[in-house]
C-alpha atoms as a PDB file:
ATOM      1  CA  MET A   1      77.652  88.027  73.707  1.00  0.00           C
ATOM      2  CA  PRO A   2      78.309  84.287  73.637  1.00  0.00           C
ATOM      3  CA  LEU A   3      77.469  82.334  76.755  1.00  0.00           C
ATOM      4  CA  LEU A   4      80.750  80.449  76.805  1.00  0.00           C
ATOM      5  CA  ALA A   5      84.398  81.363  76.573  1.00  0.00           C
ATOM      6  CA  LEU A   6      87.057  78.947  75.324  1.00  0.00           C
ATOM      7  CA  GLU A   7      89.714  78.374  77.937  1.00  0.00           C
ATOM      8  CA  THR A   8      92.262  76.456  75.865  1.00  0.00           C
ATOM      9  CA  ALA A   9      94.694  77.737  73.283  1.00  0.00           C
ATOM     10  CA  GLN A  10      93.939  74.828  70.959  1.00  0.00           C
ATOM     11  CA  GLY A  11      90.575  73.414  69.990  1.00  0.00           C
ATOM     12  CA  PRO A  12      89.629  69.735  70.115  1.00  0.00           C
ATOM     13  CA  LYS A  13      91.137  67.283  67.664  1.00  0.00           C
ATOM     14  CA  MET A  14      88.098  65.824  65.966  1.00  0.00           C
ATOM     15  CA  SER A  15      87.792  62.183  64.940  1.00  0.00           C
ATOM     16  CA  HIS A  16      84.936  61.227  62.622  1.00  0.00           C
ATOM     17  CA  GLN A  17      82.338  59.052  64.219  1.00  0.00           C
ATOM     18  CA  ARG A  18      84.058  58.805  67.574  1.00  0.00           C
ATOM     19  CA  LEU A  19      81.784  59.794  70.409  1.00  0.00           C
ATOM     20  CA  ASN A  20      82.425  63.163  72.018  1.00  0.00           C
ATOM     21  CA  VAL A  21      81.400  63.772  75.625  1.00  0.00           C
ATOM     22  CA  VAL A  22      80.098  67.026  77.099  1.00  0.00           C
ATOM     23  CA  THR A  23      79.673  67.402  80.836  1.00  0.00           C
ATOM     24  CA  SER A  24      80.241  69.941  83.602  1.00  0.00           C
ATOM     25  CA  PHE A  25      82.966  70.558  86.148  1.00  0.00           C
ATOM     26  CA  PHE A  26      82.487  72.341  89.457  1.00  0.00           C
ATOM     27  CA  LEU A  27      83.865  72.422  92.965  1.00  0.00           C
ATOM     28  CA  VAL A  28      81.777  70.335  95.355  1.00  0.00           C
ATOM     29  CA  ARG A  29      80.243  72.638  97.948  1.00  0.00           C
ATOM     30  CA  PRO A  30      76.793  73.324  99.385  1.00  0.00           C
ATOM     31  CA  VAL A  31      74.290  74.207  96.639  1.00  0.00           C
ATOM     32  CA  PRO A  32      71.962  77.056  97.716  1.00  0.00           C
ATOM     33  CA  GLY A  33      68.342  75.972  97.809  1.00  0.00           C
ATOM     34  CA  ALA A  34      69.133  72.279  97.426  1.00  0.00           C
ATOM     35  CA  LEU A  35      67.848  69.412  99.523  1.00  0.00           C
ATOM     36  CA  SER A  36      70.987  67.799 100.909  1.00  0.00           C
ATOM     37  CA  LEU A  37      70.950  64.055 101.415  1.00  0.00           C
ATOM     38  CA  ALA A  38      74.560  63.938 102.576  1.00  0.00           C
ATOM     39  CA  ALA A  39      75.636  61.980 105.637  1.00  0.00           C
ATOM     40  CA  ARG A  40      76.264  65.364 107.237  1.00  0.00           C
ATOM     41  CA  PRO A  41      76.212  68.998 106.087  1.00  0.00           C
ATOM     42  CA  LEU A  42      79.146  69.905 103.885  1.00  0.00           C
ATOM     43  CA  GLY A  43      81.646  72.261 105.480  1.00  0.00           C
ATOM     44  CA  GLY A  44      84.820  73.976 104.341  1.00  0.00           C
ATOM     45  CA  PRO A  45      85.253  77.241 102.390  1.00  0.00           C
ATOM     46  CA  ALA A  46      82.703  78.207  99.743  1.00  0.00           C
ATOM     47  CA  ALA A  47      85.496  78.501  97.169  1.00  0.00           C
ATOM     48  CA  PRO A  48      88.454  76.410  98.350  1.00  0.00           C
ATOM     49  CA  ALA A  49      91.783  77.496  96.913  1.00  0.00           C
ATOM     50  CA  ALA A  50      92.996  73.901  96.751  1.00  0.00           C
ATOM     51  CA  PHE A  51      91.556  70.411  96.981  1.00  0.00           C
ATOM     52  CA  ALA A  52      93.402  70.045 100.277  1.00  0.00           C
ATOM     53  CA  ASP A  53      91.253  72.829 101.759  1.00  0.00           C
ATOM     54  CA  MET A  54      88.011  71.010 101.014  1.00  0.00           C
ATOM     55  CA  ASP A  55      85.734  69.282 103.460  1.00  0.00           C
ATOM     56  CA  PRO A  56      86.868  65.606 103.355  1.00  0.00           C
ATOM     57  CA  LEU A  57      83.408  64.445 102.295  1.00  0.00           C
ATOM     58  CA  ALA A  58      83.297  67.033  99.506  1.00  0.00           C
ATOM     59  CA  ARG A  59      86.840  66.073  98.465  1.00  0.00           C
ATOM     60  CA  ALA A  60      85.855  62.410  98.179  1.00  0.00           C
ATOM     61  CA  ARG A  61      82.948  63.378  95.911  1.00  0.00           C
ATOM     62  CA  GLN A  62      85.229  65.680  93.911  1.00  0.00           C
ATOM     63  CA  ASP A  63      87.614  62.808  93.279  1.00  0.00           C
ATOM     64  CA  GLU A  64      84.753  60.771  91.796  1.00  0.00           C
ATOM     65  CA  TYR A  65      84.080  63.513  89.252  1.00  0.00           C
ATOM     66  CA  VAL A  66      87.778  63.691  88.360  1.00  0.00           C
ATOM     67  CA  GLU A  67      87.915  59.908  87.946  1.00  0.00           C
ATOM     68  CA  CYS A  68      85.024  60.104  85.471  1.00  0.00           C
ATOM     69  CA  ILE A  69      86.847  62.708  83.381  1.00  0.00           C
ATOM     70  CA  ALA A  70      89.913  60.462  83.252  1.00  0.00           C
ATOM     71  CA  ALA A  71      87.860  57.347  82.462  1.00  0.00           C
ATOM     72  CA  ASN A  72      86.033  59.023  79.583  1.00  0.00           C
ATOM     73  CA  LEU A  73      89.305  60.241  78.102  1.00  0.00           C
ATOM     74  CA  ALA A  74      90.749  56.721  78.442  1.00  0.00           C
ATOM     75  CA  CYS A  75      87.905  55.147  76.440  1.00  0.00           C
ATOM     76  CA  ARG A  76      88.959  54.442  72.856  1.00  0.00           C
ATOM     77  CA  HIS A  77      85.472  55.293  71.595  1.00  0.00           C
ATOM     78  CA  VAL A  78      85.725  58.875  72.900  1.00  0.00           C
ATOM     79  CA  GLY A  79      87.177  61.611  70.742  1.00  0.00           C
ATOM     80  CA  SER A  80      87.158  64.730  72.919  1.00  0.00           C
ATOM     81  CA  VAL A  81      85.622  65.755  76.233  1.00  0.00           C
ATOM     82  CA  GLY A  82      84.108  69.213  76.502  1.00  0.00           C
ATOM     83  CA  LEU A  83      83.843  70.536  80.052  1.00  0.00           C
ATOM     84  CA  LEU A  84      81.525  73.390  80.961  1.00  0.00           C
ATOM     85  CA  VAL A  85      83.300  74.821  84.013  1.00  0.00           C
ATOM     86  CA  GLN A  86      80.945  76.508  86.458  1.00  0.00           C
ATOM     87  CA  ASP A  87      83.077  79.415  87.651  1.00  0.00           C
ATOM     88  CA  ALA A  88      86.586  80.828  88.042  1.00  0.00           C
ATOM     89  CA  PRO A  89      87.432  78.916  91.273  1.00  0.00           C
ATOM     90  CA  SER A  90      86.406  75.677  89.577  1.00  0.00           C
ATOM     91  CA  LEU A  91      88.563  76.532  86.564  1.00  0.00           C
ATOM     92  CA  ALA A  92      91.530  77.243  88.831  1.00  0.00           C
ATOM     93  CA  ALA A  93      91.028  73.898  90.568  1.00  0.00           C
ATOM     94  CA  LEU A  94      90.810  72.131  87.212  1.00  0.00           C
ATOM     95  CA  ARG A  95      94.106  73.642  86.090  1.00  0.00           C
ATOM     96  CA  ALA A  96      95.910  73.041  89.380  1.00  0.00           C
ATOM     97  CA  HIS A  97      94.607  69.651  90.443  1.00  0.00           C
ATOM     98  CA  VAL A  98      93.043  67.838  87.484  1.00  0.00           C
ATOM     99  CA  LEU A  99      95.091  68.568  84.378  1.00  0.00           C
ATOM    100  CA  PRO A 100      98.390  67.498  85.999  1.00  0.00           C
ATOM    101  CA  ARG A 101      96.846  64.079  86.788  1.00  0.00           C
ATOM    102  CA  LEU A 102      96.023  63.388  83.132  1.00  0.00           C
ATOM    103  CA  PRO A 103      98.448  61.939  80.556  1.00  0.00           C
ATOM    104  CA  PRO A 104      99.629  64.577  78.055  1.00  0.00           C
ATOM    105  CA  ALA A 105      97.706  62.978  75.179  1.00  0.00           C
ATOM    106  CA  ALA A 106      94.504  63.030  77.224  1.00  0.00           C
ATOM    107  CA  ARG A 107      94.997  66.688  78.187  1.00  0.00           C
ATOM    108  CA  GLY A 108      95.052  67.561  74.490  1.00  0.00           C
ATOM    109  CA  ARG A 109      91.551  66.114  74.085  1.00  0.00           C
ATOM    110  CA  LEU A 110      90.026  67.933  77.048  1.00  0.00           C
ATOM    111  CA  VAL A 111      88.322  71.218  76.161  1.00  0.00           C
ATOM    112  CA  PRO A 112      87.354  73.338  79.214  1.00  0.00           C
ATOM    113  CA  MET A 113      84.934  76.197  78.648  1.00  0.00           C
ATOM    114  CA  LEU A 114      84.148  78.801  81.311  1.00  0.00           C
ATOM    115  CA  HIS A 115      80.465  79.358  82.018  1.00  0.00           C
ATOM    116  CA  ARG A 116      79.699  83.048  81.442  1.00  0.00           C
ATOM    117  CA  ALA A 117      76.727  82.914  83.787  1.00  0.00           C
ATOM    118  CA  ALA A 118      79.008  82.089  86.717  1.00  0.00           C
ATOM    119  CA  PRO A 119      78.517  81.388  89.504  1.00  0.00           C
ATOM    120  CA  ALA A 120      75.145  79.964  88.448  1.00  0.00           C
ATOM    121  CA  GLN A 121      75.025  76.248  87.742  1.00  0.00           C
ATOM    122  CA  PRO A 122      75.139  75.262  84.078  1.00  0.00           C
ATOM    123  CA  THR A 123      71.851  74.012  82.689  1.00  0.00           C
ATOM    124  CA  TYR A 124      71.017  71.227  80.269  1.00  0.00           C
ATOM    125  CA  GLY A 125      70.457  73.951  77.677  1.00  0.00           C
ATOM    126  CA  ASP A 126      73.973  75.290  78.280  1.00  0.00           C
ATOM    127  CA  LEU A 127      75.453  71.814  77.807  1.00  0.00           C
ATOM    128  CA  PHE A 128      73.472  71.217  74.606  1.00  0.00           C
ATOM    129  CA  ARG A 129      74.616  74.619  73.329  1.00  0.00           C
ATOM    130  CA  LEU A 130      78.241  73.771  74.091  1.00  0.00           C
ATOM    131  CA  ALA A 131      77.878  70.469  72.217  1.00  0.00           C
ATOM    132  CA  GLY A 132      76.796  72.373  69.114  1.00  0.00           C
ATOM    133  CA  GLN A 133      79.614  74.886  69.423  1.00  0.00           C
ATOM    134  CA  LEU A 134      82.363  72.299  69.790  1.00  0.00           C
ATOM    135  CA  PHE A 135      81.139  69.282  67.848  1.00  0.00           C
ATOM    136  CA  HIS A 136      78.791  70.434  65.093  1.00  0.00           C
ATOM    137  CA  GLY A 137      77.825  67.490  62.898  1.00  0.00           C
ATOM    138  CA  GLN A 138      79.340  64.921  65.254  1.00  0.00           C
ATOM    139  CA  PRO A 139      77.828  62.455  67.738  1.00  0.00           C
ATOM    140  CA  VAL A 140      77.854  63.837  71.273  1.00  0.00           C
ATOM    141  CA  MET A 141      76.945  62.457  74.675  1.00  0.00           C
ATOM    142  CA  VAL A 142      75.770  65.044  77.200  1.00  0.00           C
ATOM    143  CA  ALA A 143      76.145  63.309  80.546  1.00  0.00           C
ATOM    144  CA  ASN A 144      76.036  63.925  84.256  1.00  0.00           C
ATOM    145  CA  ALA A 145      79.451  64.623  85.734  1.00  0.00           C
ATOM    146  CA  ASP A 146      79.579  61.275  87.554  1.00  0.00           C
ATOM    147  CA  ILE A 147      79.031  59.190  84.396  1.00  0.00           C
ATOM    148  CA  TYR A 148      81.697  57.440  82.304  1.00  0.00           C
ATOM    149  CA  VAL A 149      81.936  54.941  79.460  1.00  0.00           C
ATOM    150  CA  THR A 150      84.327  52.050  78.792  1.00  0.00           C
ATOM    151  CA  ASP A 151      85.666  50.222  75.753  1.00  0.00           C
ATOM    152  CA  ALA A 152      83.763  47.035  76.532  1.00  0.00           C
ATOM    153  CA  GLY A 153      80.568  48.462  77.965  1.00  0.00           C
ATOM    154  CA  PHE A 154      79.786  50.960  75.223  1.00  0.00           C
ATOM    155  CA  GLN A 155      79.344  49.213  71.873  1.00  0.00           C
ATOM    156  CA  TRP A 156      79.864  52.431  69.983  1.00  0.00           C
ATOM    157  CA  PRO A 157      80.782  51.273  66.431  1.00  0.00           C
ATOM    158  CA  ALA A 158      77.559  49.259  66.136  1.00  0.00           C
ATOM    159  CA  LEU A 159      75.500  51.979  67.797  1.00  0.00           C
ATOM    160  CA  ALA A 160      76.959  54.663  65.526  1.00  0.00           C
ATOM    161  CA  ALA A 161      76.171  52.620  62.423  1.00  0.00           C
ATOM    162  CA  GLU A 162      72.618  51.996  63.613  1.00  0.00           C
ATOM    163  CA  PHE A 163      71.651  55.397  64.977  1.00  0.00           C
ATOM    164  CA  PHE A 164      74.165  57.939  63.598  1.00  0.00           C
ATOM    165  CA  PRO A 165      75.441  56.781  60.184  1.00  0.00           C
ATOM    166  CA  ASP A 166      77.904  59.023  58.353  1.00  0.00           C
ATOM    167  CA  ALA A 167      75.442  59.442  55.495  1.00  0.00           C
ATOM    168  CA  LYS A 168      73.225  61.463  57.809  1.00  0.00           C
ATOM    169  CA  ARG A 169      75.950  63.883  58.893  1.00  0.00           C
ATOM    170  CA  PRO A 170      74.622  67.467  58.547  1.00  0.00           C
ATOM    171  CA  ALA A 171      76.661  70.136  56.805  1.00  0.00           C
ATOM    172  CA  ALA A 172      77.910  73.163  58.716  1.00  0.00           C
ATOM    173  CA  GLY A 173      74.971  75.410  59.513  1.00  0.00           C
ATOM    174  CA  ALA A 174      72.429  72.666  58.918  1.00  0.00           C
ATOM    175  CA  SER A 175      69.592  71.953  61.313  1.00  0.00           C
ATOM    176  CA  PRO A 176      69.242  68.776  63.410  1.00  0.00           C
ATOM    177  CA  SER A 177      66.585  67.507  61.006  1.00  0.00           C
ATOM    178  CA  ASP A 178      69.326  67.103  58.398  1.00  0.00           C
ATOM    179  CA  ALA A 179      70.699  64.252  60.560  1.00  0.00           C
ATOM    180  CA  ALA A 180      67.338  62.473  60.563  1.00  0.00           C
ATOM    181  CA  ASP A 181      66.760  58.737  60.389  1.00  0.00           C
ATOM    182  CA  SER A 182      65.068  56.959  57.488  1.00  0.00           C
ATOM    183  CA  ALA A 183      61.666  57.947  58.891  1.00  0.00           C
ATOM    184  CA  GLY A 184      62.629  61.619  58.774  1.00  0.00           C
ATOM    185  CA  ALA A 185      63.104  62.169  62.507  1.00  0.00           C
ATOM    186  CA  PRO A 186      66.299  63.216  64.320  1.00  0.00           C
ATOM    187  CA  VAL A 187      67.530  60.568  66.760  1.00  0.00           C
ATOM    188  CA  ALA A 188      68.507  60.802  70.424  1.00  0.00           C
ATOM    189  CA  LEU A 189      69.472  58.083  72.873  1.00  0.00           C
ATOM    190  CA  ALA A 190      68.283  58.605  76.455  1.00  0.00           C
ATOM    191  CA  LEU A 191      70.453  56.199  78.443  1.00  0.00           C
ATOM    192  CA  THR A 192      69.781  54.688  81.860  1.00  0.00           C
ATOM    193  CA  ARG A 193      72.870  54.124  83.966  1.00  0.00           C
ATOM    194  CA  THR A 194      74.576  50.980  85.240  1.00  0.00           C
ATOM    195  CA  GLU A 195      75.880  51.199  88.805  1.00  0.00           C
ATOM    196  CA  ASP A 196      78.837  48.804  88.725  1.00  0.00           C
ATOM    197  CA  GLU A 197      81.309  48.232  85.895  1.00  0.00           C
ATOM    198  CA  ASN A 198      82.407  44.797  87.104  1.00  0.00           C
ATOM    199  CA  THR A 199      79.101  43.173  88.040  1.00  0.00           C
ATOM    200  CA  LEU A 200      76.870  45.202  85.664  1.00  0.00           C
ATOM    201  CA  PHE A 201      74.540  45.775  88.606  1.00  0.00           C
ATOM    202  CA  ALA A 202      71.827  48.011  87.144  1.00  0.00           C
ATOM    203  CA  PRO A 203      68.735  48.344  89.354  1.00  0.00           C
ATOM    204  CA  LEU A 204      67.453  51.374  87.459  1.00  0.00           C
ATOM    205  CA  ILE A 205      67.485  49.351  84.237  1.00  0.00           C
ATOM    206  CA  ASP A 206      66.075  46.124  85.680  1.00  0.00           C
ATOM    207  CA  ASP A 207      63.388  48.074  87.557  1.00  0.00           C
ATOM    208  CA  TYR A 208      63.069  51.094  85.285  1.00  0.00           C
ATOM    209  CA  ARG A 209      61.898  54.259  87.072  1.00  0.00           C
ATOM    210  CA  GLY A 210      62.441  56.945  84.469  1.00  0.00           C
ATOM    211  CA  SER A 211      66.154  57.531  85.134  1.00  0.00           C
ATOM    212  CA  HIS A 212      68.401  58.841  82.328  1.00  0.00           C
ATOM    213  CA  ASP A 213      71.923  60.099  83.026  1.00  0.00           C
ATOM    214  CA  ALA A 214      73.169  60.612  79.458  1.00  0.00           C
ATOM    215  CA  PHE A 215      71.778  61.776  76.106  1.00  0.00           C
ATOM    216  CA  VAL A 216      73.457  60.920  72.795  1.00  0.00           C
ATOM    217  CA  PHE A 217      72.604  62.855  69.625  1.00  0.00           C
ATOM    218  CA  ARG A 218      74.256  64.383  66.613  1.00  0.00           C
ATOM    219  CA  ALA A 219      74.993  68.037  67.313  1.00  0.00           C
ATOM    220  CA  PRO A 220      73.537  70.586  67.142  1.00  0.00           C
ATOM    221  CA  MET A 221      70.582  69.986  69.388  1.00  0.00           C
ATOM    222  CA  ALA A 222      67.259  71.414  68.173  1.00  0.00           C
ATOM    223  CA  PRO A 223      67.011  75.070  69.290  1.00  0.00           C
ATOM    224  CA  ALA A 224      63.583  74.451  70.816  1.00  0.00           C
ATOM    225  CA  VAL A 225      65.056  71.792  73.115  1.00  0.00           C
ATOM    226  CA  VAL A 226      67.994  74.016  74.078  1.00  0.00           C
ATOM    227  CA  ALA A 227      65.647  76.864  74.987  1.00  0.00           C
ATOM    228  CA  ALA A 228      63.215  74.652  76.916  1.00  0.00           C
ATOM    229  CA  CYS A 229      65.853  72.892  79.042  1.00  0.00           C
ATOM    230  CA  ASP A 230      66.948  75.860  81.112  1.00  0.00           C
ATOM    231  CA  HIS A 231      67.375  73.836  84.302  1.00  0.00           C
ATOM    232  CA  PRO A 232      70.395  72.264  86.042  1.00  0.00           C
ATOM    233  CA  GLN A 233      71.052  68.531  85.917  1.00  0.00           C
ATOM    234  CA  ASN A 234      70.481  68.109  89.655  1.00  0.00           C
ATOM    235  CA  CYS A 235      66.838  69.245  89.556  1.00  0.00           C
ATOM    236  CA  TYR A 236      64.375  66.543  90.492  1.00  0.00           C
ATOM    237  CA  LYS A 237      63.080  64.966  87.232  1.00  0.00           C
ATOM    238  CA  ALA A 238      65.642  66.980  85.245  1.00  0.00           C
ATOM    239  CA  GLU A 239      66.170  64.261  82.647  1.00  0.00           C
ATOM    240  CA  ASN A 240      62.432  63.637  82.285  1.00  0.00           C
ATOM    241  CA  ILE A 241      61.990  67.237  81.166  1.00  0.00           C
ATOM    242  CA  VAL A 242      64.660  66.650  78.504  1.00  0.00           C
ATOM    243  CA  VAL A 243      62.917  63.487  77.296  1.00  0.00           C
ATOM    244  CA  HIS A 244      59.611  65.370  77.148  1.00  0.00           C
ATOM    245  CA  GLU A 245      61.129  68.209  75.129  1.00  0.00           C
ATOM    246  CA  LEU A 246      62.996  65.864  72.763  1.00  0.00           C
ATOM    247  CA  ARG A 247      59.773  64.024  72.015  1.00  0.00           C
ATOM    248  CA  ARG A 248      57.924  67.304  71.588  1.00  0.00           C
ATOM    249  CA  ALA A 249      60.600  68.451  69.102  1.00  0.00           C
ATOM    250  CA  GLY A 250      60.103  65.312  67.004  1.00  0.00           C
ATOM    251  CA  TYR A 251      63.117  63.230  68.003  1.00  0.00           C
ATOM    252  CA  ARG A 252      62.978  59.459  67.710  1.00  0.00           C
ATOM    253  CA  LEU A 253      64.076  58.215  71.133  1.00  0.00           C
ATOM    254  CA  ALA A 254      65.716  54.952  72.125  1.00  0.00           C
ATOM    255  CA  ASN A 255      67.302  53.592  75.307  1.00  0.00           C
ATOM    256  CA  PRO A 256      69.772  50.838  74.326  1.00  0.00           C
ATOM    257  CA  CYS A 257      71.308  51.005  77.791  1.00  0.00           C
ATOM    258  CA  ARG A 258      72.412  47.360  77.853  1.00  0.00           C
ATOM    259  CA  ARG A 259      74.486  47.915  74.710  1.00  0.00           C
ATOM    260  CA  ALA A 260      75.455  51.474  75.598  1.00  0.00           C
ATOM    261  CA  ARG A 261      76.452  51.123  79.239  1.00  0.00           C
ATOM    262  CA  VAL A 262      76.981  54.420  81.038  1.00  0.00           C
ATOM    263  CA  PHE A 263      78.546  53.736  84.410  1.00  0.00           C
ATOM    264  CA  HIS A 264      77.828  55.697  87.576  1.00  0.00           C
ATOM    265  CA  ARG A 265      80.642  56.676  89.976  1.00  0.00           C
ATOM    266  CA  HIS A 266      78.916  57.644  93.223  1.00  0.00           C
ATOM    267  CA  ALA A 267      80.050  55.869  96.378  1.00  0.00           C
ATOM    268  CA  THR A 268      80.219  58.957  98.600  1.00  0.00           C
ATOM    269  CA  ASP A 269      77.208  59.972 100.643  1.00  0.00           C
ATOM    270  CA  VAL A 270      76.772  63.411  99.053  1.00  0.00           C
ATOM    271  CA  ARG A 271      73.528  64.202  97.204  1.00  0.00           C
ATOM    272  CA  GLN A 272      72.123  67.670  96.607  1.00  0.00           C
ATOM    273  CA  TRP A 273      68.797  67.983  94.769  1.00  0.00           C
ATOM    274  CA  LEU A 274      67.069  71.121  93.561  1.00  0.00           C
ATOM    275  CA  PRO A 275      63.253  71.261  93.298  1.00  0.00           C
ATOM    276  CA  SER A 276      61.610  69.949  90.149  1.00  0.00           C
ATOM    277  CA  ALA A 277      61.184  72.281  87.184  1.00  0.00           C
ATOM    278  CA  ALA A 278      58.782  69.857  85.496  1.00  0.00           C
ATOM    279  CA  GLY A 279      55.553  71.411  86.784  1.00  0.00           C
ATOM    280  CA  GLU A 280      52.867  70.041  89.081  1.00  0.00           C
ATOM    281  CA  GLU A 281      53.198  66.285  89.363  1.00  0.00           C
ATOM    282  CA  GLY A 282      50.473  64.414  87.533  1.00  0.00           C
ATOM    283  CA  SER A 283      48.989  67.516  85.946  1.00  0.00           C
ATOM    284  CA  PRO A 284      48.465  67.768  82.164  1.00  0.00           C
ATOM    285  CA  ALA A 285      51.058  70.547  82.125  1.00  0.00           C
ATOM    286  CA  GLU A 286      53.791  68.443  83.756  1.00  0.00           C
ATOM    287  CA  ARG A 287      56.822  68.054  81.504  1.00  0.00           C
ATOM    288  CA  TYR A 288      57.649  64.421  82.121  1.00  0.00           C
ATOM    289  CA  GLY A 289      58.915  61.834  79.639  1.00  0.00           C
ATOM    290  CA  ARG A 290      60.271  58.296  79.822  1.00  0.00           C
ATOM    291  CA  VAL A 291      62.056  55.975  77.413  1.00  0.00           C
ATOM    292  CA  GLU A 292      61.800  52.313  78.365  1.00  0.00           C
ATOM    293  CA  PRO A 293      65.086  50.339  78.155  1.00  0.00           C
ATOM    294  CA  GLU A 294      65.545  47.938  75.283  1.00  0.00           C
ATOM    295  CA  ALA A 295      64.864  44.339  76.227  1.00  0.00           C
END
C-alpha cells in the first residue's frame, strides 16, 4: 500500500527546470514527547475544527506556516508546491482556511497529499519519497514548513545551470546516479537559512553551527537516504542526520546559501523539539554531518 494518497483531482503542472518545493502542513498543537520552548504551554483543542478555535499563540504560529506556503507559490522560480498533510484535521483546515486565501492560479500549483501514517508526524524520508512521486526527474527543495524563497534571494537559473543542468535529467525509472555531476556523483544542496528578507540578517550563516533548513536535489532521492531518514524534521540534529546520510550515499554536497537564500518565518515564541535520533553525541556511531557555507 502506498504511504501517501493524492488529495487533489488534478496533478501538478510541471515546468522544466523550475524549482519544486516539498514541505509539510499540520495544525499547530502540543507535540507529544517534545521539549516545548514556547512562552507558555499551548492550549486549545487537540484537533481544532477551525483556526478561530485555536490557542492564540498556536494560531499565530499557524499563520506563519500559511504565509510560507503563499510566499513559495508567489516566487517565479517555483513550479509546484507539494504538501504532505499530517492528518485529516489538518487537511480539513487546509481546505477551509488556507486554499481560499490563495489566488486561483496558485491553488492550481499546490498539491496536498494526506499522510497515510496519520496522526504520526511526517519524516524526512516521507518528504523525500513524496518528492520522487510528484517530481521525478525534476529539481526539488525539501524544506521545513517555515521556510520560503523569493525571486531576488534565490538565484535559481544560475544555480540550476551549475548544479542541475538539463543534460543530467534522469529518465523515468532511472536512479539518482543518472543525474550525477561531471565527477559521477549525484548533487544535493544543504542550505542554511537567512532570518530576515529585508536586512539579510543571517547569524547561522555568519557563525555557522551546522544548521540546514532546506535540501535541493533532483528527484528521486537515493533509496538508502529515504530509508535512513525516518525521523521528523523537528528532532534535534535532524538535518545533520540527512547530511550524514547524503554523504554516505555518495552525494556531492554544497551550501551556496548566500546565492540560494532560504528565508525563515518564525517570530512567534513557539518551539517544540523532539530528542535527537542521531545517536550518542560525539561517539563514532553518531550520525552527524555538516556542510560549510560558501564564502
